C-alpha atoms as a PDB file:
ATOM      1  CA  MET A   1      60.109 122.610 213.169  1.00  0.00           C
ATOM      2  CA  ALA A   2      59.648 125.410 210.880  1.00  0.00           C
ATOM      3  CA  ASN A   3      56.341 126.059 211.807  1.00  0.00           C
ATOM      4  CA  ALA A   4      57.140 125.698 215.520  1.00  0.00           C
ATOM      5  CA  LEU A   5      59.598 128.647 215.017  1.00  0.00           C
ATOM      6  CA  MET A   6      57.287 130.752 213.399  1.00  0.00           C
ATOM      7  CA  ASN A   7      54.964 130.662 216.056  1.00  0.00           C
ATOM      8  CA  ARG A   8      57.507 131.191 219.127  1.00  0.00           C
ATOM      9  CA  ASN A   9      56.666 134.575 220.401  1.00  0.00           C
ATOM     10  CA  ASN A  10      59.674 135.541 222.373  1.00  0.00           C
ATOM     11  CA  PHE A  11      60.441 138.879 223.457  1.00  0.00           C
ATOM     12  CA  ASP A  12      57.126 139.773 222.704  1.00  0.00           C
ATOM     13  CA  MET A  13      57.663 139.535 219.130  1.00  0.00           C
ATOM     14  CA  LEU A  14      54.576 138.707 216.434  1.00  0.00           C
ATOM     15  CA  ASP A  15      54.984 136.663 213.292  1.00  0.00           C
ATOM     16  CA  PRO A  16      54.131 138.796 209.966  1.00  0.00           C
ATOM     17  CA  PHE A  17      50.121 137.700 209.887  1.00  0.00           C
ATOM     18  CA  GLU A  18      49.720 139.102 213.263  1.00  0.00           C
ATOM     19  CA  ARG A  19      51.440 142.617 212.393  1.00  0.00           C
ATOM     20  CA  MET A  20      49.654 142.599 209.614  1.00  0.00           C
ATOM     21  CA  ALA A  21      45.994 142.016 211.306  1.00  0.00           C
ATOM     22  CA  GLN A  22      47.295 144.684 213.956  1.00  0.00           C
ATOM     23  CA  SER A  23      47.828 147.553 211.658  1.00  0.00           C
ATOM     24  CA  PHE A  24      45.051 146.726 209.855  1.00  0.00           C
ATOM     25  CA  TRP A  25      42.376 147.551 213.334  1.00  0.00           C
ATOM     26  CA  ALA A  26      44.832 150.064 214.173  1.00  0.00           C
ATOM     27  CA  PRO A  27      42.679 153.115 212.799  1.00  0.00           C
ATOM     28  CA  PHE A  28      39.744 151.954 214.625  1.00  0.00           C
ATOM     29  CA  GLU A  29      41.212 151.346 218.144  1.00  0.00           C
ATOM     30  CA  GLY A  30      40.144 154.223 220.505  1.00  0.00           C
ATOM     31  CA  LEU A  31      37.565 155.725 218.172  1.00  0.00           C
ATOM     32  CA  ASP A  32      35.173 155.710 221.062  1.00  0.00           C
ATOM     33  CA  GLN A  33      37.556 158.008 223.108  1.00  0.00           C
ATOM     34  CA  ALA A  34      38.054 160.428 219.944  1.00  0.00           C
ATOM     35  CA  LEU A  35      35.413 162.550 220.481  1.00  0.00           C
ATOM     36  CA  LYS A  36      35.704 163.192 224.368  1.00  0.00           C
ATOM     37  CA  THR A  37      31.952 164.260 225.828  1.00  0.00           C
ATOM     38  CA  ASP A  38      30.784 165.730 228.810  1.00  0.00           C
ATOM     39  CA  ILE A  39      27.406 165.793 229.264  1.00  0.00           C
ATOM     40  CA  SER A  40      25.036 167.371 232.112  1.00  0.00           C
ATOM     41  CA  GLU A  41      21.677 167.890 233.143  1.00  0.00           C
ATOM     42  CA  THR A  42      19.433 170.216 234.990  1.00  0.00           C
ATOM     43  CA  ASP A  43      15.507 169.790 235.174  1.00  0.00           C
ATOM     44  CA  ASP A  44      14.996 172.334 232.410  1.00  0.00           C
ATOM     45  CA  GLN A  45      17.811 170.873 229.808  1.00  0.00           C
ATOM     46  CA  TYR A  46      20.928 168.854 229.002  1.00  0.00           C
ATOM     47  CA  GLN A  47      23.751 170.476 228.130  1.00  0.00           C
ATOM     48  CA  VAL A  48      26.821 168.215 225.929  1.00  0.00           C
ATOM     49  CA  LYS A  49      30.372 169.807 225.427  1.00  0.00           C
ATOM     50  CA  VAL A  50      32.413 167.544 222.895  1.00  0.00           C
ATOM     51  CA  ASP A  51      36.017 168.348 222.099  1.00  0.00           C
ATOM     52  CA  VAL A  52      36.485 168.988 218.383  1.00  0.00           C
ATOM     53  CA  PRO A  53      40.040 170.644 217.987  1.00  0.00           C
ATOM     54  CA  GLY A  54      40.876 171.533 214.717  1.00  0.00           C
ATOM     55  CA  ILE A  55      37.476 170.412 213.426  1.00  0.00           C
ATOM     56  CA  ASP A  56      35.837 173.376 211.506  1.00  0.00           C
ATOM     57  CA  LYS A  57      31.998 173.578 212.113  1.00  0.00           C
ATOM     58  CA  LYS A  58      30.768 172.635 208.605  1.00  0.00           C
ATOM     59  CA  ASP A  59      32.300 169.428 209.209  1.00  0.00           C
ATOM     60  CA  VAL A  60      30.114 168.801 211.810  1.00  0.00           C
ATOM     61  CA  LYS A  61      26.968 167.165 211.488  1.00  0.00           C
ATOM     62  CA  LEU A  62      24.158 166.766 214.101  1.00  0.00           C
ATOM     63  CA  ASP A  63      20.677 165.117 214.299  1.00  0.00           C
ATOM     64  CA  TYR A  64      18.293 164.655 216.881  1.00  0.00           C
ATOM     65  CA  ARG A  65      15.869 161.605 216.188  1.00  0.00           C
ATOM     66  CA  ASP A  66      13.736 158.905 218.565  1.00  0.00           C
ATOM     67  CA  ASN A  67      15.288 160.548 221.669  1.00  0.00           C
ATOM     68  CA  VAL A  68      19.076 160.060 220.342  1.00  0.00           C
ATOM     69  CA  LEU A  69      21.448 163.065 219.696  1.00  0.00           C
ATOM     70  CA  SER A  70      24.050 161.684 216.864  1.00  0.00           C
ATOM     71  CA  ILE A  71      26.880 163.384 215.974  1.00  0.00           C
ATOM     72  CA  ARG A  72      28.977 163.326 213.024  1.00  0.00           C
ATOM     73  CA  VAL A  73      32.542 164.697 212.543  1.00  0.00           C
ATOM     74  CA  GLN A  74      34.623 164.447 209.145  1.00  0.00           C
ATOM     75  CA  LYS A  75      37.672 165.664 208.700  1.00  0.00           C
ATOM     76  CA  GLN A  76      38.859 165.467 204.941  1.00  0.00           C
ATOM     77  CA  SER A  77      41.889 168.293 205.512  1.00  0.00           C
ATOM     78  CA  PHE A  78      44.838 165.825 206.283  1.00  0.00           C
ATOM     79  CA  VAL A  79      47.614 167.505 204.624  1.00  0.00           C
ATOM     80  CA  ASP A  80      51.177 164.856 204.137  1.00  0.00           C
ATOM     81  CA  HIS A  81      53.968 166.398 204.792  1.00  0.00           C
ATOM     82  CA  GLU A  82      55.589 163.702 203.377  1.00  0.00           C
ATOM     83  CA  ASP A  83      58.794 165.012 200.894  1.00  0.00           C
ATOM     84  CA  LYS A  84      60.378 163.430 197.880  1.00  0.00           C
ATOM     85  CA  ASP A  85      63.444 162.327 200.040  1.00  0.00           C
ATOM     86  CA  GLN A  86      60.795 160.732 202.622  1.00  0.00           C
ATOM     87  CA  ASN A  87      62.044 162.640 205.835  1.00  0.00           C
ATOM     88  CA  VAL A  88      58.846 162.495 207.901  1.00  0.00           C
ATOM     89  CA  VAL A  89      59.684 160.857 211.548  1.00  0.00           C
ATOM     90  CA  MET A  90      56.211 159.564 212.522  1.00  0.00           C
ATOM     91  CA  ASN A  91      52.431 160.843 210.744  1.00  0.00           C
ATOM     92  CA  GLU A  92      49.596 160.010 213.437  1.00  0.00           C
ATOM     93  CA  ARG A  93      47.440 162.395 212.014  1.00  0.00           C
ATOM     94  CA  ARG A  94      44.443 160.817 209.846  1.00  0.00           C
ATOM     95  CA  ALA A  95      41.288 161.795 207.756  1.00  0.00           C
ATOM     96  CA  GLY A  96      37.935 160.136 208.627  1.00  0.00           C
ATOM     97  CA  THR A  97      34.908 159.650 210.028  1.00  0.00           C
ATOM     98  CA  LEU A  98      34.024 159.750 213.889  1.00  0.00           C
ATOM     99  CA  GLN A  99      30.479 159.489 215.220  1.00  0.00           C
ATOM    100  CA  ARG A 100      28.698 158.940 218.623  1.00  0.00           C
ATOM    101  CA  GLN A 101      25.161 158.746 219.921  1.00  0.00           C
ATOM    102  CA  TYR A 102      23.497 159.582 222.978  1.00  0.00           C
ATOM    103  CA  ALA A 103      20.366 158.898 224.243  1.00  0.00           C
ATOM    104  CA  LEU A 104      18.515 161.996 225.712  1.00  0.00           C
ATOM    105  CA  PRO A 105      14.834 161.581 226.332  1.00  0.00           C
ATOM    106  CA  ASN A 106      11.957 164.506 226.046  1.00  0.00           C
ATOM    107  CA  VAL A 107      13.708 167.118 224.084  1.00  0.00           C
ATOM    108  CA  ALA A 108      12.062 169.936 222.646  1.00  0.00           C
ATOM    109  CA  VAL A 109      13.843 169.431 218.828  1.00  0.00           C
ATOM    110  CA  ASP A 110      12.617 172.841 217.716  1.00  0.00           C
ATOM    111  CA  LYS A 111      14.703 174.700 220.370  1.00  0.00           C
ATOM    112  CA  ILE A 112      17.805 172.668 220.151  1.00  0.00           C
ATOM    113  CA  SER A 113      20.945 175.071 219.655  1.00  0.00           C
ATOM    114  CA  ALA A 114      24.643 174.456 218.986  1.00  0.00           C
ATOM    115  CA  ALA A 115      27.465 176.511 219.122  1.00  0.00           C
ATOM    116  CA  GLN A 116      31.510 175.831 218.647  1.00  0.00           C
ATOM    117  CA  THR A 117      34.120 177.682 220.274  1.00  0.00           C
ATOM    118  CA  ASP A 118      37.589 177.216 220.976  1.00  0.00           C
ATOM    119  CA  GLY A 119      37.798 173.781 219.521  1.00  0.00           C
ATOM    120  CA  VAL A 120      34.662 172.808 222.009  1.00  0.00           C
ATOM    121  CA  LEU A 121      31.141 172.207 220.685  1.00  0.00           C
ATOM    122  CA  THR A 122      28.643 173.059 222.987  1.00  0.00           C
ATOM    123  CA  ILE A 123      24.753 171.520 222.461  1.00  0.00           C
ATOM    124  CA  THR A 124      22.034 172.306 224.308  1.00  0.00           C
ATOM    125  CA  LEU A 125      18.914 170.362 224.718  1.00  0.00           C
ATOM    126  CA  PRO A 126      16.043 171.860 226.350  1.00  0.00           C
ATOM    127  CA  LYS A 127      13.840 169.258 227.787  1.00  0.00           C
ATOM    128  CA  THR A 128       9.933 168.750 227.414  1.00  0.00           C
ATOM    129  CA  ALA A 129       7.492 167.453 229.403  1.00  0.00           C
ATOM    130  CA  PRO A 130       7.491 163.620 229.386  1.00  0.00           C
ATOM    131  CA  THR A 131       4.441 162.296 227.908  1.00  0.00           C
ATOM    132  CA  THR A 132       2.217 160.870 230.709  1.00  0.00           C
ATOM    133  CA  ASN A 133       0.662 157.537 228.918  1.00  0.00           C
ATOM    134  CA  ALA A 134       4.286 156.351 227.795  1.00  0.00           C
ATOM    135  CA  GLY A 135       2.381 155.334 224.753  1.00  0.00           C
ATOM    136  CA  HIS A 136      -0.205 153.579 226.034  1.00  0.00           C
ATOM    137  CA  ILE A 137      -3.578 153.420 224.043  1.00  0.00           C
ATOM    138  CA  ASP A 138      -7.054 152.633 225.076  1.00  0.00           C
ATOM    139  CA  ILE A 139      -9.216 150.611 222.899  1.00  0.00           C
ATOM    140  CA  GLN A 140     -13.002 151.649 223.219  1.00  0.00           C
END
């Protein structure tokens, strides 16, 4: 009988273990939405714009390998505003790392440029001509 009472979910109330599980996974929810990105393409280039408000450019790492652009943002400058009387009502800001990857083929790696202005990171990836043999090797 006690188990039946504990497992009830009236009024959307969760048992203590469910609440603990949800609070454990909460920091990882929505990470794919944390780095809002727009990607445009022309005949000559890709342009990637990523919202990174409040992030210093030294905390952003960019990498392009195997036709994939990787963006890694690490924020370690979280300041806890809690005072000795614990008067904080809500605290949603977190320190941590976010990473996204985008498949963008045929890029001239030596000509990639990036700039960060007003909380927006803009990455320009000039295109190269695609290879015509697509990796085919003739045997002689």
